[in-house]
Amino acid sequence: MDKLKQLETFVSVAQRGSLTGAAHVLGLAPAIIGRRLDALEARLGVKLLLRTTRRLSLTHEGSAFLEDCQRLLADLANAEASVSAGGVQASGHLRMTAPAGFGRRHVAPLVPLFRELHPEVTISLNLSDRLVDMAVEGFDCAVRVGDMPDSSLVSVRLADNRRLCVATPAFLARHGRPQQPSDLARFDCLTLSSDASQTRGWAFQLPKGDGVEVAYLRPTGPMDCSDGQVLHDWCLRGWGIAWRSTWEVEAEIAAGQLVAVLEDFAAPPNGIYAVFPERKHLALRVRLWIDFLKLHYGSAGFWTGGRS
């Protein structure tokens, strides 16, 4: 029980960025929060949080541990709910949101399948590339792709996502293959326009000293667009090299329509997450939906076009 309280306290402090905020939510004195964190760090033998009088931040180990703790606590809540709910049928209205491109391809097709299992649940799906405020706009759950910013939301990692450089076999036959990221300067690259959200450029893992570092390049080409789906379509037509997410191109790679290049330099994967506001008792329909996503996204054939 003490270990569980320590984990819950750590997650609450990390999400709120302060001992005082966590103490208010948990109904405890800040001194108790501090003692729990000290005990947790002593037990693990590692520093999880850097605390000063002005701010609190996670260490590298703390960031990794936070994700594991959130997943563990969510799984525990689901396990308890599955027992306590017994034969209770999920019902009510489920409001969820997802990025437009990802949602069209990998969320919307699952909604009717979920309703077949839970016909008493009605569903509203919002597809938008705008980062919605879930609490203000009343969403129960969101699917998000990429690094998760610090927030008061609880996140459950559903799958890994990588970004790869891809082109058609015909394009590579005509122009050759880049052997290292700097070679992209000699190729037609299909890039997001400057007013799009991808401001840092294409990420690659490059050697540095005895290790590696993630570096960002901004390739150029004769065509750019603010819409990722258009870049994907142009790439499939053989008009250049694109930098796309595996959720978008894995099926085409498996089918031989696209070929991944510079794989040895691909940046480490980020995640695909289900996120939801922190609640003591999560609605059964939300828990079941998150479990449903985990089941399908964890299927070996899902991302290559074979739906489980």
C-alpha atoms as a PDB file:
ATOM      1  CA  MET A   1       0.000   0.000   0.000  1.00  0.00           C
ATOM      2  CA  ASP A   2       2.842   2.409   0.835  1.00  0.00           C
ATOM      3  CA  LYS A   3       4.438   1.717  -2.557  1.00  0.00           C
ATOM      4  CA  LEU A   4       1.160   2.417  -4.347  1.00  0.00           C
ATOM      5  CA  LYS A   5       0.684   5.684  -2.446  1.00  0.00           C
ATOM      6  CA  GLN A   6       4.218   6.711  -3.384  1.00  0.00           C
ATOM      7  CA  LEU A   7       3.523   6.063  -7.075  1.00  0.00           C
ATOM      8  CA  GLU A   8       0.197   7.928  -6.976  1.00  0.00           C
ATOM      9  CA  THR A   9       1.881  10.853  -5.232  1.00  0.00           C
ATOM     10  CA  PHE A  10       4.741  10.960  -7.741  1.00  0.00           C
ATOM     11  CA  VAL A  11       2.326  10.981 -10.700  1.00  0.00           C
ATOM     12  CA  SER A  12       0.187  13.711  -9.136  1.00  0.00           C
ATOM     13  CA  VAL A  13       3.218  15.920  -8.402  1.00  0.00           C
ATOM     14  CA  ALA A  14       4.676  15.390 -11.902  1.00  0.00           C
ATOM     15  CA  GLN A  15       1.381  16.252 -13.583  1.00  0.00           C
ATOM     16  CA  ARG A  16       0.844  19.421 -11.559  1.00  0.00           C
ATOM     17  CA  GLY A  17       4.431  20.577 -11.372  1.00  0.00           C
ATOM     18  CA  SER A  18       4.305  21.309  -7.666  1.00  0.00           C
ATOM     19  CA  LEU A  19       4.020  19.649  -4.268  1.00  0.00           C
ATOM     20  CA  THR A  20       1.384  22.163  -3.226  1.00  0.00           C
ATOM     21  CA  GLY A  21      -0.861  21.381  -6.188  1.00  0.00           C
ATOM     22  CA  ALA A  22      -0.620  17.649  -5.571  1.00  0.00           C
ATOM     23  CA  ALA A  23      -1.226  18.129  -1.850  1.00  0.00           C
ATOM     24  CA  HIS A  24      -4.409  20.086  -2.596  1.00  0.00           C
ATOM     25  CA  VAL A  25      -5.782  17.387  -4.908  1.00  0.00           C
ATOM     26  CA  LEU A  26      -4.830  14.500  -2.615  1.00  0.00           C
ATOM     27  CA  GLY A  27      -6.021  16.287   0.513  1.00  0.00           C
ATOM     28  CA  LEU A  28      -2.673  15.993   2.261  1.00  0.00           C
ATOM     29  CA  ALA A  29      -0.121  18.335   3.780  1.00  0.00           C
ATOM     30  CA  PRO A  30       2.777  19.265   1.434  1.00  0.00           C
ATOM     31  CA  ALA A  31       5.194  17.838   4.009  1.00  0.00           C
ATOM     32  CA  ILE A  32       3.596  14.392   3.619  1.00  0.00           C
ATOM     33  CA  ILE A  33       3.895  14.671  -0.162  1.00  0.00           C
ATOM     34  CA  GLY A  34       7.581  15.519   0.217  1.00  0.00           C
ATOM     35  CA  ARG A  35       8.219  12.576   2.532  1.00  0.00           C
ATOM     36  CA  ARG A  36       6.546  10.166   0.128  1.00  0.00           C
ATOM     37  CA  LEU A  37       8.709  11.393  -2.733  1.00  0.00           C
ATOM     38  CA  ASP A  38      11.860  11.146  -0.626  1.00  0.00           C
ATOM     39  CA  ALA A  39      10.955   7.586   0.339  1.00  0.00           C
ATOM     40  CA  LEU A  40      10.272   6.636  -3.280  1.00  0.00           C
ATOM     41  CA  GLU A  41      13.588   8.039  -4.512  1.00  0.00           C
ATOM     42  CA  ALA A  42      15.435   6.365  -1.647  1.00  0.00           C
ATOM     43  CA  ARG A  43      13.802   3.030  -2.403  1.00  0.00           C
ATOM     44  CA  LEU A  44      14.623   3.257  -6.103  1.00  0.00           C
ATOM     45  CA  GLY A  45      18.072   4.734  -5.579  1.00  0.00           C
ATOM     46  CA  VAL A  46      17.542   7.338  -8.292  1.00  0.00           C
ATOM     47  CA  LYS A  47      16.577  11.010  -8.483  1.00  0.00           C
ATOM     48  CA  LEU A  48      13.166  11.436 -10.122  1.00  0.00           C
ATOM     49  CA  LEU A  49      12.507  15.136  -9.549  1.00  0.00           C
ATOM     50  CA  LEU A  50      14.656  18.236  -9.390  1.00  0.00           C
ATOM     51  CA  ARG A  51      13.143  20.531  -6.781  1.00  0.00           C
ATOM     52  CA  THR A  52      13.992  24.183  -6.163  1.00  0.00           C
ATOM     53  CA  THR A  53      12.100  26.922  -4.364  1.00  0.00           C
ATOM     54  CA  ARG A  54      10.719  28.166  -7.674  1.00  0.00           C
ATOM     55  CA  ARG A  55      10.109  25.136  -9.864  1.00  0.00           C
ATOM     56  CA  LEU A  56       9.990  21.400 -10.118  1.00  0.00           C
ATOM     57  CA  SER A  57      11.124  19.351 -13.104  1.00  0.00           C
ATOM     58  CA  LEU A  58      11.509  15.701 -14.007  1.00  0.00           C
ATOM     59  CA  THR A  59      14.895  14.096 -14.482  1.00  0.00           C
ATOM     60  CA  HIS A  60      15.436  11.838 -17.492  1.00  0.00           C
ATOM     61  CA  GLU A  61      14.794   8.822 -15.255  1.00  0.00           C
ATOM     62  CA  GLY A  62      11.749  10.553 -13.801  1.00  0.00           C
ATOM     63  CA  SER A  63      10.207  11.106 -17.241  1.00  0.00           C
ATOM     64  CA  ALA A  64      10.578   7.440 -18.161  1.00  0.00           C
ATOM     65  CA  PHE A  65       9.289   6.309 -14.766  1.00  0.00           C
ATOM     66  CA  LEU A  66       6.272   8.647 -15.004  1.00  0.00           C
ATOM     67  CA  GLU A  67       5.056   6.954 -18.166  1.00  0.00           C
ATOM     68  CA  ASP A  68       5.401   3.509 -16.569  1.00  0.00           C
ATOM     69  CA  CYS A  69       3.572   4.672 -13.436  1.00  0.00           C
ATOM     70  CA  GLN A  70       0.697   6.177 -15.416  1.00  0.00           C
ATOM     71  CA  ARG A  71       0.305   2.960 -17.372  1.00  0.00           C
ATOM     72  CA  LEU A  72       0.464   0.856 -14.195  1.00  0.00           C
ATOM     73  CA  LEU A  73      -2.127   2.957 -12.381  1.00  0.00           C
ATOM     74  CA  ALA A  74      -4.427   2.969 -15.422  1.00  0.00           C
ATOM     75  CA  ASP A  75      -4.133  -0.811 -15.741  1.00  0.00           C
ATOM     76  CA  LEU A  76      -4.882  -1.192 -12.035  1.00  0.00           C
ATOM     77  CA  ALA A  77      -7.976   1.004 -12.375  1.00  0.00           C
ATOM     78  CA  ASN A  78      -9.114  -1.046 -15.356  1.00  0.00           C
ATOM     79  CA  ALA A  79      -8.575  -4.315 -13.489  1.00  0.00           C
ATOM     80  CA  GLU A  80     -10.599  -3.074 -10.525  1.00  0.00           C
ATOM     81  CA  ALA A  81     -13.324  -1.783 -12.805  1.00  0.00           C
ATOM     82  CA  SER A  82     -13.611  -5.055 -14.712  1.00  0.00           C
ATOM     83  CA  VAL A  83     -14.227  -6.874 -11.420  1.00  0.00           C
ATOM     84  CA  SER A  84     -16.484  -4.326  -9.776  1.00  0.00           C
ATOM     85  CA  ALA A  85     -18.490  -3.709 -12.940  1.00  0.00           C
ATOM     86  CA  GLY A  86     -19.255  -7.399 -13.264  1.00  0.00           C
ATOM     87  CA  GLY A  87     -21.875  -7.864 -15.912  1.00  0.00           C
ATOM     88  CA  VAL A  88     -22.806  -4.197 -16.095  1.00  0.00           C
ATOM     89  CA  GLN A  89     -23.297  -3.105 -19.710  1.00  0.00           C
ATOM     90  CA  ALA A  90     -21.401  -0.016 -20.848  1.00  0.00           C
ATOM     91  CA  SER A  91     -23.764   2.768 -21.814  1.00  0.00           C
ATOM     92  CA  GLY A  92     -23.973   6.526 -22.266  1.00  0.00           C
ATOM     93  CA  HIS A  93     -22.359   8.942 -24.690  1.00  0.00           C
ATOM     94  CA  LEU A  94     -18.638   8.795 -25.506  1.00  0.00           C
ATOM     95  CA  ARG A  95     -17.057  12.002 -26.842  1.00  0.00           C
ATOM     96  CA  MET A  96     -13.574  11.585 -28.261  1.00  0.00           C
ATOM     97  CA  THR A  97     -11.161  13.434 -30.499  1.00  0.00           C
ATOM     98  CA  ALA A  98      -8.168  12.531 -32.666  1.00  0.00           C
ATOM     99  CA  PRO A  99      -5.862  14.178 -35.240  1.00  0.00           C
ATOM    100  CA  ALA A 100      -7.601  14.441 -38.611  1.00  0.00           C
ATOM    101  CA  GLY A 101      -5.331  12.266 -40.756  1.00  0.00           C
ATOM    102  CA  PHE A 102      -4.658   9.620 -38.117  1.00  0.00           C
ATOM    103  CA  GLY A 103      -8.290   9.622 -37.031  1.00  0.00           C
ATOM    104  CA  ARG A 104      -9.651   9.047 -40.522  1.00  0.00           C
ATOM    105  CA  ARG A 105      -7.354   6.091 -41.060  1.00  0.00           C
ATOM    106  CA  HIS A 106      -6.975   4.439 -37.669  1.00  0.00           C
ATOM    107  CA  VAL A 107      -9.748   5.634 -35.338  1.00  0.00           C
ATOM    108  CA  ALA A 108     -12.910   6.102 -37.396  1.00  0.00           C
ATOM    109  CA  PRO A 109     -12.919   2.524 -38.832  1.00  0.00           C
ATOM    110  CA  LEU A 110     -12.851   1.117 -35.283  1.00  0.00           C
ATOM    111  CA  VAL A 111     -15.852   3.088 -34.017  1.00  0.00           C
ATOM    112  CA  PRO A 112     -18.547   0.897 -35.651  1.00  0.00           C
ATOM    113  CA  LEU A 113     -16.718  -2.230 -34.473  1.00  0.00           C
ATOM    114  CA  PHE A 114     -16.715  -0.919 -30.902  1.00  0.00           C
ATOM    115  CA  ARG A 115     -20.433  -0.151 -31.102  1.00  0.00           C
ATOM    116  CA  GLU A 116     -21.143  -3.713 -32.260  1.00  0.00           C
ATOM    117  CA  LEU A 117     -19.670  -4.879 -28.950  1.00  0.00           C
ATOM    118  CA  HIS A 118     -21.320  -2.124 -26.896  1.00  0.00           C
ATOM    119  CA  PRO A 119     -24.592  -1.139 -28.598  1.00  0.00           C
ATOM    120  CA  GLU A 120     -25.774   0.936 -25.622  1.00  0.00           C
ATOM    121  CA  VAL A 121     -22.913   3.395 -26.165  1.00  0.00           C
ATOM    122  CA  THR A 122     -23.384   6.346 -28.522  1.00  0.00           C
ATOM    123  CA  ILE A 123     -20.272   8.018 -29.914  1.00  0.00           C
ATOM    124  CA  SER A 124     -19.219  11.424 -31.177  1.00  0.00           C
ATOM    125  CA  LEU A 125     -15.845  11.524 -32.936  1.00  0.00           C
ATOM    126  CA  ASN A 126     -14.161  14.876 -33.519  1.00  0.00           C
ATOM    127  CA  LEU A 127     -11.286  14.901 -36.009  1.00  0.00           C
ATOM    128  CA  SER A 128      -9.109  17.987 -35.793  1.00  0.00           C
ATOM    129  CA  ASP A 129      -5.432  18.870 -35.885  1.00  0.00           C
ATOM    130  CA  ARG A 130      -6.136  21.585 -33.325  1.00  0.00           C
ATOM    131  CA  LEU A 131      -5.008  20.678 -29.800  1.00  0.00           C
ATOM    132  CA  VAL A 132      -8.378  20.694 -28.065  1.00  0.00           C
ATOM    133  CA  ASP A 133      -8.878  21.563 -24.416  1.00  0.00           C
ATOM    134  CA  MET A 134     -10.524  18.357 -23.271  1.00  0.00           C
ATOM    135  CA  ALA A 135     -11.852  19.656 -19.982  1.00  0.00           C
ATOM    136  CA  VAL A 136     -13.312  22.863 -21.429  1.00  0.00           C
ATOM    137  CA  GLU A 137     -14.797  21.173 -24.516  1.00  0.00           C
ATOM    138  CA  GLY A 138     -16.118  18.133 -22.702  1.00  0.00           C
ATOM    139  CA  PHE A 139     -14.202  15.302 -24.357  1.00  0.00           C
ATOM    140  CA  ASP A 140     -13.886  11.991 -22.544  1.00  0.00           C
ATOM    141  CA  CYS A 141     -10.836  10.722 -24.407  1.00  0.00           C
ATOM    142  CA  ALA A 142      -8.361  11.814 -27.069  1.00  0.00           C
ATOM    143  CA  VAL A 143      -5.900   9.958 -29.256  1.00  0.00           C
ATOM    144  CA  ARG A 144      -2.679  11.900 -29.716  1.00  0.00           C
ATOM    145  CA  VAL A 145       0.456  11.182 -31.717  1.00  0.00           C
ATOM    146  CA  GLY A 146       3.918  12.385 -30.703  1.00  0.00           C
ATOM    147  CA  ASP A 147       5.678  13.466 -27.559  1.00  0.00           C
ATOM    148  CA  MET A 148       3.273  14.225 -24.733  1.00  0.00           C
ATOM    149  CA  PRO A 149       3.653  17.676 -23.180  1.00  0.00           C
ATOM    150  CA  ASP A 150       3.418  18.060 -19.425  1.00  0.00           C
ATOM    151  CA  SER A 151      -0.247  18.368 -18.517  1.00  0.00           C
ATOM    152  CA  SER A 152      -2.904  17.348 -16.043  1.00  0.00           C
ATOM    153  CA  LEU A 153      -4.087  14.660 -18.458  1.00  0.00           C
ATOM    154  CA  VAL A 154      -3.469  10.964 -17.887  1.00  0.00           C
ATOM    155  CA  SER A 155      -1.849   9.222 -20.858  1.00  0.00           C
ATOM    156  CA  VAL A 156      -1.768   5.556 -21.834  1.00  0.00           C
ATOM    157  CA  ARG A 157       0.716   4.558 -24.522  1.00  0.00           C
ATOM    158  CA  LEU A 158      -1.067   2.539 -27.201  1.00  0.00           C
ATOM    159  CA  ALA A 159       1.714   1.972 -29.736  1.00  0.00           C
ATOM    160  CA  ASP A 160       5.045   3.279 -31.010  1.00  0.00           C
ATOM    161  CA  ASN A 161       5.281   5.624 -33.964  1.00  0.00           C
ATOM    162  CA  ARG A 162       8.371   6.392 -36.051  1.00  0.00           C
ATOM    163  CA  ARG A 163       8.976   8.803 -38.892  1.00  0.00           C
ATOM    164  CA  LEU A 164      10.754   7.540 -41.978  1.00  0.00           C
ATOM    165  CA  CYS A 165      11.940   8.901 -45.304  1.00  0.00           C
ATOM    166  CA  VAL A 166      10.045   7.111 -48.065  1.00  0.00           C
ATOM    167  CA  ALA A 167       9.855   7.138 -51.862  1.00  0.00           C
ATOM    168  CA  THR A 168       8.495   4.930 -54.611  1.00  0.00           C
ATOM    169  CA  PRO A 169      10.708   2.232 -56.162  1.00  0.00           C
ATOM    170  CA  ALA A 170      10.404   4.057 -59.505  1.00  0.00           C
ATOM    171  CA  PHE A 171      11.663   7.346 -58.029  1.00  0.00           C
ATOM    172  CA  LEU A 172      14.666   5.609 -56.466  1.00  0.00           C
ATOM    173  CA  ALA A 173      15.402   3.764 -59.703  1.00  0.00           C
ATOM    174  CA  ARG A 174      15.544   7.111 -61.557  1.00  0.00           C
ATOM    175  CA  HIS A 175      17.398   9.166 -58.965  1.00  0.00           C
ATOM    176  CA  GLY A 176      19.265   6.719 -56.731  1.00  0.00           C
ATOM    177  CA  ARG A 177      19.086   6.383 -52.951  1.00  0.00           C
ATOM    178  CA  PRO A 178      20.427   8.841 -50.373  1.00  0.00           C
ATOM    179  CA  GLN A 179      23.064   7.167 -48.225  1.00  0.00           C
ATOM    180  CA  GLN A 180      23.082   9.717 -45.403  1.00  0.00           C
ATOM    181  CA  PRO A 181      20.768  12.577 -44.418  1.00  0.00           C
ATOM    182  CA  SER A 182      23.002  15.262 -45.946  1.00  0.00           C
ATOM    183  CA  ASP A 183      22.448  13.615 -49.366  1.00  0.00           C
ATOM    184  CA  LEU A 184      18.843  14.833 -49.304  1.00  0.00           C
ATOM    185  CA  ALA A 185      20.086  18.198 -50.569  1.00  0.00           C
ATOM    186  CA  ARG A 186      20.483  16.530 -53.992  1.00  0.00           C
ATOM    187  CA  PHE A 187      16.944  15.120 -54.108  1.00  0.00           C
ATOM    188  CA  ASP A 188      13.455  16.481 -54.636  1.00  0.00           C
ATOM    189  CA  CYS A 189      11.926  16.407 -51.153  1.00  0.00           C
ATOM    190  CA  LEU A 190       8.231  16.857 -50.411  1.00  0.00           C
ATOM    191  CA  THR A 191       7.998  19.115 -47.381  1.00  0.00           C
ATOM    192  CA  LEU A 192       5.416  20.848 -45.267  1.00  0.00           C
ATOM    193  CA  SER A 193       5.108  24.530 -46.069  1.00  0.00           C
ATOM    194  CA  SER A 194       6.553  27.053 -43.626  1.00  0.00           C
ATOM    195  CA  ASP A 195       3.140  27.919 -42.159  1.00  0.00           C
ATOM    196  CA  ALA A 196       2.505  24.318 -41.110  1.00  0.00           C
ATOM    197  CA  SER A 197       3.063  23.005 -37.585  1.00  0.00           C
ATOM    198  CA  GLN A 198       6.220  20.994 -38.355  1.00  0.00           C
ATOM    199  CA  THR A 199       8.691  23.795 -37.744  1.00  0.00           C
ATOM    200  CA  ARG A 200      11.853  21.997 -36.699  1.00  0.00           C
ATOM    201  CA  GLY A 201      12.326  19.956 -39.855  1.00  0.00           C
ATOM    202  CA  TRP A 202      13.070  16.272 -40.391  1.00  0.00           C
ATOM    203  CA  ALA A 203      14.620  14.485 -37.394  1.00  0.00           C
ATOM    204  CA  PHE A 204      17.566  12.105 -37.772  1.00  0.00           C
ATOM    205  CA  GLN A 205      19.813  10.268 -35.344  1.00  0.00           C
ATOM    206  CA  LEU A 206      23.403  11.194 -36.189  1.00  0.00           C
ATOM    207  CA  PRO A 207      26.730  10.096 -34.678  1.00  0.00           C
ATOM    208  CA  LYS A 208      28.294  12.501 -32.196  1.00  0.00           C
ATOM    209  CA  GLY A 209      31.472  11.572 -30.346  1.00  0.00           C
ATOM    210  CA  ASP A 210      30.984   8.157 -28.806  1.00  0.00           C
ATOM    211  CA  GLY A 211      27.207   8.357 -29.060  1.00  0.00           C
ATOM    212  CA  VAL A 212      24.426   9.805 -31.174  1.00  0.00           C
ATOM    213  CA  GLU A 213      22.265  12.900 -31.133  1.00  0.00           C
ATOM    214  CA  VAL A 214      18.965  13.846 -32.757  1.00  0.00           C
ATOM    215  CA  ALA A 215      19.532  16.540 -35.387  1.00  0.00           C
ATOM    216  CA  TYR A 216      17.010  18.379 -37.543  1.00  0.00           C
ATOM    217  CA  LEU A 217      17.390  19.076 -41.255  1.00  0.00           C
ATOM    218  CA  ARG A 218      15.191  21.180 -43.483  1.00  0.00           C
ATOM    219  CA  PRO A 219      15.302  19.610 -46.952  1.00  0.00           C
ATOM    220  CA  THR A 220      13.895  21.532 -49.876  1.00  0.00           C
ATOM    221  CA  GLY A 221      12.172  20.673 -53.115  1.00  0.00           C
ATOM    222  CA  PRO A 222      10.105  22.119 -55.929  1.00  0.00           C
ATOM    223  CA  MET A 223       6.777  21.459 -54.146  1.00  0.00           C
ATOM    224  CA  ASP A 224       5.589  21.892 -50.588  1.00  0.00           C
ATOM    225  CA  CYS A 225       2.136  21.798 -49.002  1.00  0.00           C
ATOM    226  CA  SER A 226       0.524  22.551 -45.653  1.00  0.00           C
ATOM    227  CA  ASP A 227      -1.418  19.259 -45.762  1.00  0.00           C
ATOM    228  CA  GLY A 228       0.344  15.991 -44.894  1.00  0.00           C
ATOM    229  CA  GLN A 229      -2.102  13.858 -46.867  1.00  0.00           C
ATOM    230  CA  VAL A 230      -1.228  15.754 -50.039  1.00  0.00           C
ATOM    231  CA  LEU A 231       2.484  15.079 -49.429  1.00  0.00           C
ATOM    232  CA  HIS A 232       1.654  11.411 -48.955  1.00  0.00           C
ATOM    233  CA  ASP A 233      -0.273  11.331 -52.236  1.00  0.00           C
ATOM    234  CA  TRP A 234       2.511  13.146 -54.112  1.00  0.00           C
ATOM    235  CA  CYS A 235       5.032  10.671 -52.738  1.00  0.00           C
ATOM    236  CA  LEU A 236       2.924   7.730 -53.938  1.00  0.00           C
ATOM    237  CA  ARG A 237       2.873   9.312 -57.385  1.00  0.00           C
ATOM    238  CA  GLY A 238       6.668   9.239 -57.437  1.00  0.00           C
ATOM    239  CA  TRP A 239       7.320  12.975 -57.241  1.00  0.00           C
ATOM    240  CA  GLY A 240       9.854  12.971 -54.426  1.00  0.00           C
ATOM    241  CA  ILE A 241      11.008  11.780 -51.012  1.00  0.00           C
ATOM    242  CA  ALA A 242       8.694  12.420 -48.073  1.00  0.00           C
ATOM    243  CA  TRP A 243       9.178  12.148 -44.308  1.00  0.00           C
ATOM    244  CA  ARG A 244       6.090  10.422 -42.980  1.00  0.00           C
ATOM    245  CA  SER A 245       4.873   8.566 -39.912  1.00  0.00           C
ATOM    246  CA  THR A 246       4.820   4.783 -39.913  1.00  0.00           C
ATOM    247  CA  TRP A 247       1.090   4.842 -39.146  1.00  0.00           C
ATOM    248  CA  GLU A 248       0.639   6.515 -42.514  1.00  0.00           C
ATOM    249  CA  VAL A 249       3.007   4.543 -44.747  1.00  0.00           C
ATOM    250  CA  GLU A 250       3.574   1.132 -43.161  1.00  0.00           C
ATOM    251  CA  ALA A 251       0.879  -0.518 -45.284  1.00  0.00           C
ATOM    252  CA  GLU A 252       2.388   0.910 -48.496  1.00  0.00           C
ATOM    253  CA  ILE A 253       5.869  -0.212 -47.430  1.00  0.00           C
ATOM    254  CA  ALA A 254       4.561  -3.730 -46.773  1.00  0.00           C
ATOM    255  CA  ALA A 255       2.855  -3.735 -50.184  1.00  0.00           C
ATOM    256  CA  GLY A 256       6.005  -2.555 -51.974  1.00  0.00           C
ATOM    257  CA  GLN A 257       4.454   0.735 -53.088  1.00  0.00           C
ATOM    258  CA  LEU A 258       6.921   2.725 -51.003  1.00  0.00           C
ATOM    259  CA  VAL A 259      10.477   2.044 -49.864  1.00  0.00           C
ATOM    260  CA  ALA A 260      12.009   3.361 -46.640  1.00  0.00           C
ATOM    261  CA  VAL A 261      15.414   5.029 -47.013  1.00  0.00           C
ATOM    262  CA  LEU A 262      17.912   6.251 -44.415  1.00  0.00           C
ATOM    263  CA  GLU A 263      16.430   3.822 -41.873  1.00  0.00           C
ATOM    264  CA  ASP A 264      19.739   3.596 -40.009  1.00  0.00           C
ATOM    265  CA  PHE A 265      19.417   7.308 -39.220  1.00  0.00           C
ATOM    266  CA  ALA A 266      15.741   7.293 -38.181  1.00  0.00           C
ATOM    267  CA  ALA A 267      15.083   9.169 -34.951  1.00  0.00           C
ATOM    268  CA  PRO A 268      13.863   7.180 -31.921  1.00  0.00           C
ATOM    269  CA  PRO A 269      10.130   6.441 -31.924  1.00  0.00           C
ATOM    270  CA  ASN A 270       7.611   8.594 -30.170  1.00  0.00           C
ATOM    271  CA  GLY A 271       4.224   7.309 -29.077  1.00  0.00           C
ATOM    272  CA  ILE A 272       0.555   7.042 -29.920  1.00  0.00           C
ATOM    273  CA  TYR A 273      -1.425   7.755 -26.764  1.00  0.00           C
ATOM    274  CA  ALA A 274      -4.909   7.701 -25.363  1.00  0.00           C
ATOM    275  CA  VAL A 275      -5.302  10.632 -22.992  1.00  0.00           C
ATOM    276  CA  PHE A 276      -8.114  11.533 -20.660  1.00  0.00           C
ATOM    277  CA  PRO A 277      -8.741  13.943 -17.770  1.00  0.00           C
ATOM    278  CA  GLU A 278      -7.690  12.622 -14.390  1.00  0.00           C
ATOM    279  CA  ARG A 279     -10.720  11.182 -12.648  1.00  0.00           C
ATOM    280  CA  LYS A 280     -11.081   8.949  -9.643  1.00  0.00           C
ATOM    281  CA  HIS A 281     -13.660   6.762 -11.381  1.00  0.00           C
ATOM    282  CA  LEU A 282     -13.307   6.616 -15.150  1.00  0.00           C
ATOM    283  CA  ALA A 283     -16.533   5.747 -16.966  1.00  0.00           C
ATOM    284  CA  LEU A 284     -16.726   2.126 -18.057  1.00  0.00           C
ATOM    285  CA  ARG A 285     -17.307   3.131 -21.703  1.00  0.00           C
ATOM    286  CA  VAL A 286     -14.039   5.126 -21.685  1.00  0.00           C
ATOM    287  CA  ARG A 287     -12.050   2.289 -20.112  1.00  0.00           C
ATOM    288  CA  LEU A 288     -13.445  -0.206 -22.606  1.00  0.00           C
ATOM    289  CA  TRP A 289     -12.664   2.104 -25.538  1.00  0.00           C
ATOM    290  CA  ILE A 290      -9.032   2.515 -24.434  1.00  0.00           C
ATOM    291  CA  ASP A 291      -8.689  -1.269 -24.000  1.00  0.00           C
ATOM    292  CA  PHE A 292     -10.244  -1.728 -27.453  1.00  0.00           C
ATOM    293  CA  LEU A 293      -7.658   0.598 -29.017  1.00  0.00           C
ATOM    294  CA  LYS A 294      -4.801  -1.163 -27.203  1.00  0.00           C
ATOM    295  CA  LEU A 295      -6.015  -4.539 -28.464  1.00  0.00           C
ATOM    296  CA  HIS A 296      -6.209  -3.440 -32.107  1.00  0.00           C
ATOM    297  CA  TYR A 297      -3.100  -1.266 -32.162  1.00  0.00           C
ATOM    298  CA  GLY A 298      -1.152  -4.105 -30.573  1.00  0.00           C
ATOM    299  CA  SER A 299      -2.140  -6.515 -33.350  1.00  0.00           C
ATOM    300  CA  ALA A 300       0.784  -7.479 -35.588  1.00  0.00           C
ATOM    301  CA  GLY A 301      -1.116  -6.844 -38.816  1.00  0.00           C
ATOM    302  CA  PHE A 302      -2.986  -3.680 -37.893  1.00  0.00           C
ATOM    303  CA  TRP A 303      -0.528  -1.089 -39.193  1.00  0.00           C
ATOM    304  CA  THR A 304       0.286  -2.976 -42.391  1.00  0.00           C
ATOM    305  CA  GLY A 305      -3.359  -3.079 -43.472  1.00  0.00           C
ATOM    306  CA  GLY A 306      -4.481  -6.352 -41.944  1.00  0.00           C
ATOM    307  CA  ARG A 307      -7.227  -5.367 -39.507  1.00  0.00           C
ATOM    308  CA  SER A 308      -7.516  -7.618 -36.444  1.00  0.00           C
END
